[in-house]
C-alpha atoms as a PDB file:
ATOM      1  CA  UNK A   1     -15.162 -17.608  11.766  1.00  0.00           C
ATOM      2  CA  UNK A   2     -14.537 -15.198  14.604  1.00  0.00           C
ATOM      3  CA  UNK A   3     -17.489 -13.682  16.459  1.00  0.00           C
ATOM      4  CA  UNK A   4     -15.870 -10.237  16.190  1.00  0.00           C
ATOM      5  CA  UNK A   5     -15.881 -10.201  12.363  1.00  0.00           C
ATOM      6  CA  UNK A   6     -18.312  -7.662  10.937  1.00  0.00           C
ATOM      7  CA  UNK A   7     -18.696  -7.343   7.173  1.00  0.00           C
ATOM      8  CA  UNK A   8     -17.981  -3.925   5.719  1.00  0.00           C
ATOM      9  CA  UNK A   9     -20.671  -1.759   4.174  1.00  0.00           C
ATOM     10  CA  UNK A  10     -20.560   0.889   1.441  1.00  0.00           C
ATOM     11  CA  UNK A  11     -20.195   3.719   3.979  1.00  0.00           C
ATOM     12  CA  UNK A  12     -17.137   2.035   5.514  1.00  0.00           C
ATOM     13  CA  UNK A  13     -15.569   1.552   2.066  1.00  0.00           C
ATOM     14  CA  UNK A  14     -16.097   5.258   1.344  1.00  0.00           C
ATOM     15  CA  UNK A  15     -14.596   6.132   4.749  1.00  0.00           C
ATOM     16  CA  UNK A  16     -11.502   3.990   4.073  1.00  0.00           C
ATOM     17  CA  UNK A  17     -11.158   5.527   0.603  1.00  0.00           C
ATOM     18  CA  UNK A  18     -11.438   9.001   2.124  1.00  0.00           C
ATOM     19  CA  UNK A  19      -8.681   8.192   4.646  1.00  0.00           C
ATOM     20  CA  UNK A  20      -6.268   7.490   1.793  1.00  0.00           C
ATOM     21  CA  UNK A  21      -7.627  10.398  -0.252  1.00  0.00           C
ATOM     22  CA  UNK A  22      -9.072   8.116  -2.913  1.00  0.00           C
ATOM     23  CA  UNK A  23     -12.316   9.308  -4.452  1.00  0.00           C
ATOM     24  CA  UNK A  24     -14.623   6.410  -5.246  1.00  0.00           C
ATOM     25  CA  UNK A  25     -18.000   6.457  -6.931  1.00  0.00           C
ATOM     26  CA  UNK A  26     -20.784   4.383  -5.373  1.00  0.00           C
ATOM     27  CA  UNK A  27     -20.309   1.852  -8.185  1.00  0.00           C
ATOM     28  CA  UNK A  28     -16.570   1.553  -7.494  1.00  0.00           C
ATOM     29  CA  UNK A  29     -17.195   1.212  -3.748  1.00  0.00           C
ATOM     30  CA  UNK A  30     -19.763  -1.512  -4.434  1.00  0.00           C
ATOM     31  CA  UNK A  31     -17.215  -3.343  -6.601  1.00  0.00           C
ATOM     32  CA  UNK A  32     -14.552  -3.167  -3.870  1.00  0.00           C
ATOM     33  CA  UNK A  33     -16.932  -4.184  -1.065  1.00  0.00           C
ATOM     34  CA  UNK A  34     -16.933  -7.967  -1.703  1.00  0.00           C
ATOM     35  CA  UNK A  35     -13.162  -7.945  -2.269  1.00  0.00           C
ATOM     36  CA  UNK A  36     -12.460  -6.153   1.013  1.00  0.00           C
ATOM     37  CA  UNK A  37     -14.894  -8.414   2.889  1.00  0.00           C
ATOM     38  CA  UNK A  38     -13.133 -11.489   1.437  1.00  0.00           C
ATOM     39  CA  UNK A  39      -9.778 -10.141   2.651  1.00  0.00           C
ATOM     40  CA  UNK A  40     -11.175  -9.546   6.139  1.00  0.00           C
ATOM     41  CA  UNK A  41     -12.714 -13.027   6.196  1.00  0.00           C
ATOM     42  CA  UNK A  42      -9.316 -14.485   5.296  1.00  0.00           C
ATOM     43  CA  UNK A  43      -7.627 -12.553   8.107  1.00  0.00           C
ATOM     44  CA  UNK A  44     -10.322 -13.760  10.529  1.00  0.00           C
ATOM     45  CA  UNK A  45      -9.611 -17.319   9.390  1.00  0.00           C
ATOM     46  CA  UNK A  46      -5.878 -16.815   9.984  1.00  0.00           C
ATOM     47  CA  UNK A  47      -6.621 -15.557  13.500  1.00  0.00           C
ATOM     48  CA  UNK A  48      -8.173 -18.965  14.301  1.00  0.00           C
ATOM     49  CA  UNK A  49      -4.958 -20.887  13.519  1.00  0.00           C
ATOM     50  CA  UNK A  50      -3.250 -22.157  16.678  1.00  0.00           C
ATOM     51  CA  UNK A  51       0.345 -20.959  16.464  1.00  0.00           C
ATOM     52  CA  UNK A  52       1.156 -21.255  20.166  1.00  0.00           C
ATOM     53  CA  UNK A  53       3.676 -24.075  19.642  1.00  0.00           C
ATOM     54  CA  UNK A  54       5.234 -22.592  16.486  1.00  0.00           C
ATOM     55  CA  UNK A  55       8.514 -20.770  17.141  1.00  0.00           C
ATOM     56  CA  UNK A  56       9.035 -17.364  15.515  1.00  0.00           C
ATOM     57  CA  UNK A  57      10.627 -17.621  12.080  1.00  0.00           C
ATOM     58  CA  UNK A  58      12.680 -14.443  12.154  1.00  0.00           C
ATOM     59  CA  UNK A  59      15.953 -16.412  12.417  1.00  0.00           C
ATOM     60  CA  UNK A  60      15.915 -19.140   9.811  1.00  0.00           C
ATOM     61  CA  UNK A  61      18.781 -21.647   9.911  1.00  0.00           C
ATOM     62  CA  UNK A  62      21.298 -21.002   7.169  1.00  0.00           C
ATOM     63  CA  UNK A  63      19.671 -17.715   6.153  1.00  0.00           C
ATOM     64  CA  UNK A  64      21.974 -14.960   5.021  1.00  0.00           C
ATOM     65  CA  UNK A  65      21.611 -11.589   3.378  1.00  0.00           C
ATOM     66  CA  UNK A  66      22.373 -11.580  -0.310  1.00  0.00           C
ATOM     67  CA  UNK A  67      23.698  -8.145  -1.110  1.00  0.00           C
ATOM     68  CA  UNK A  68      25.469  -6.787  -4.128  1.00  0.00           C
ATOM     69  CA  UNK A  69      28.449  -4.498  -3.967  1.00  0.00           C
ATOM     70  CA  UNK A  70      27.478  -0.856  -3.744  1.00  0.00           C
ATOM     71  CA  UNK A  71      29.231   0.645  -6.731  1.00  0.00           C
ATOM     72  CA  UNK A  72      28.210   4.266  -7.233  1.00  0.00           C
ATOM     73  CA  UNK A  73      27.806   5.267 -10.844  1.00  0.00           C
ATOM     74  CA  UNK A  74      27.180   8.653 -12.404  1.00  0.00           C
ATOM     75  CA  UNK A  75      23.510   9.558 -12.472  1.00  0.00           C
ATOM     76  CA  UNK A  76      21.385  11.128 -15.156  1.00  0.00           C
ATOM     77  CA  UNK A  77      22.039  14.788 -15.854  1.00  0.00           C
ATOM     78  CA  UNK A  78      19.474  17.310 -14.634  1.00  0.00           C
ATOM     79  CA  UNK A  79      18.637  18.239 -18.208  1.00  0.00           C
ATOM     80  CA  UNK A  80      18.063  14.617 -19.229  1.00  0.00           C
ATOM     81  CA  UNK A  81      15.934  14.026 -16.137  1.00  0.00           C
ATOM     82  CA  UNK A  82      13.814  17.135 -16.679  1.00  0.00           C
ATOM     83  CA  UNK A  83      13.282  16.187 -20.315  1.00  0.00           C
ATOM     84  CA  UNK A  84      11.410  13.082 -19.061  1.00  0.00           C
ATOM     85  CA  UNK A  85       8.990  14.749 -16.631  1.00  0.00           C
ATOM     86  CA  UNK A  86       5.498  15.911 -17.645  1.00  0.00           C
ATOM     87  CA  UNK A  87       5.979  19.452 -16.259  1.00  0.00           C
ATOM     88  CA  UNK A  88       8.846  21.462 -14.836  1.00  0.00           C
ATOM     89  CA  UNK A  89       9.541  24.973 -13.600  1.00  0.00           C
ATOM     90  CA  UNK A  90      13.142  26.010 -14.080  1.00  0.00           C
ATOM     91  CA  UNK A  91      15.309  23.321 -12.469  1.00  0.00           C
ATOM     92  CA  UNK A  92      12.414  21.732 -10.551  1.00  0.00           C
ATOM     93  CA  UNK A  93       9.751  19.121 -11.285  1.00  0.00           C
ATOM     94  CA  UNK A  94       6.260  20.624 -11.118  1.00  0.00           C
ATOM     95  CA  UNK A  95       3.623  18.410  -9.489  1.00  0.00           C
ATOM     96  CA  UNK A  96      -0.041  18.996  -8.572  1.00  0.00           C
ATOM     97  CA  UNK A  97      -0.816  20.189  -5.050  1.00  0.00           C
ATOM     98  CA  UNK A  98      -1.594  17.219  -2.778  1.00  0.00           C
ATOM     99  CA  UNK A  99      -2.455  18.883   0.518  1.00  0.00           C
ATOM    100  CA  UNK A 100      -5.320  21.285   1.037  1.00  0.00           C
ATOM    101  CA  UNK A 101      -4.809  24.770   2.474  1.00  0.00           C
ATOM    102  CA  UNK A 102      -5.465  24.928   6.231  1.00  0.00           C
END
């Protein structure tokens, strides 16, 4: 393992959750803690792999894009679409506020 690897703690899990605006209880943070530490340990292990002699794999021999034809088709009507949303106001979808007032 790398000397720079430091296991996460509950406060760090709460900080990460706060950065992505995800409210976690202490119990949820405690449940995620070992999972996140295992992921970081795996990344630390990958950092130890010597890849100096391995060429980049962004151009694989024989690789090609597999694309389908772009055939535009009529979409769903506004009325049909709005009949499938939980809440609407007039012609618009109504969603909860995500950002806080400044």
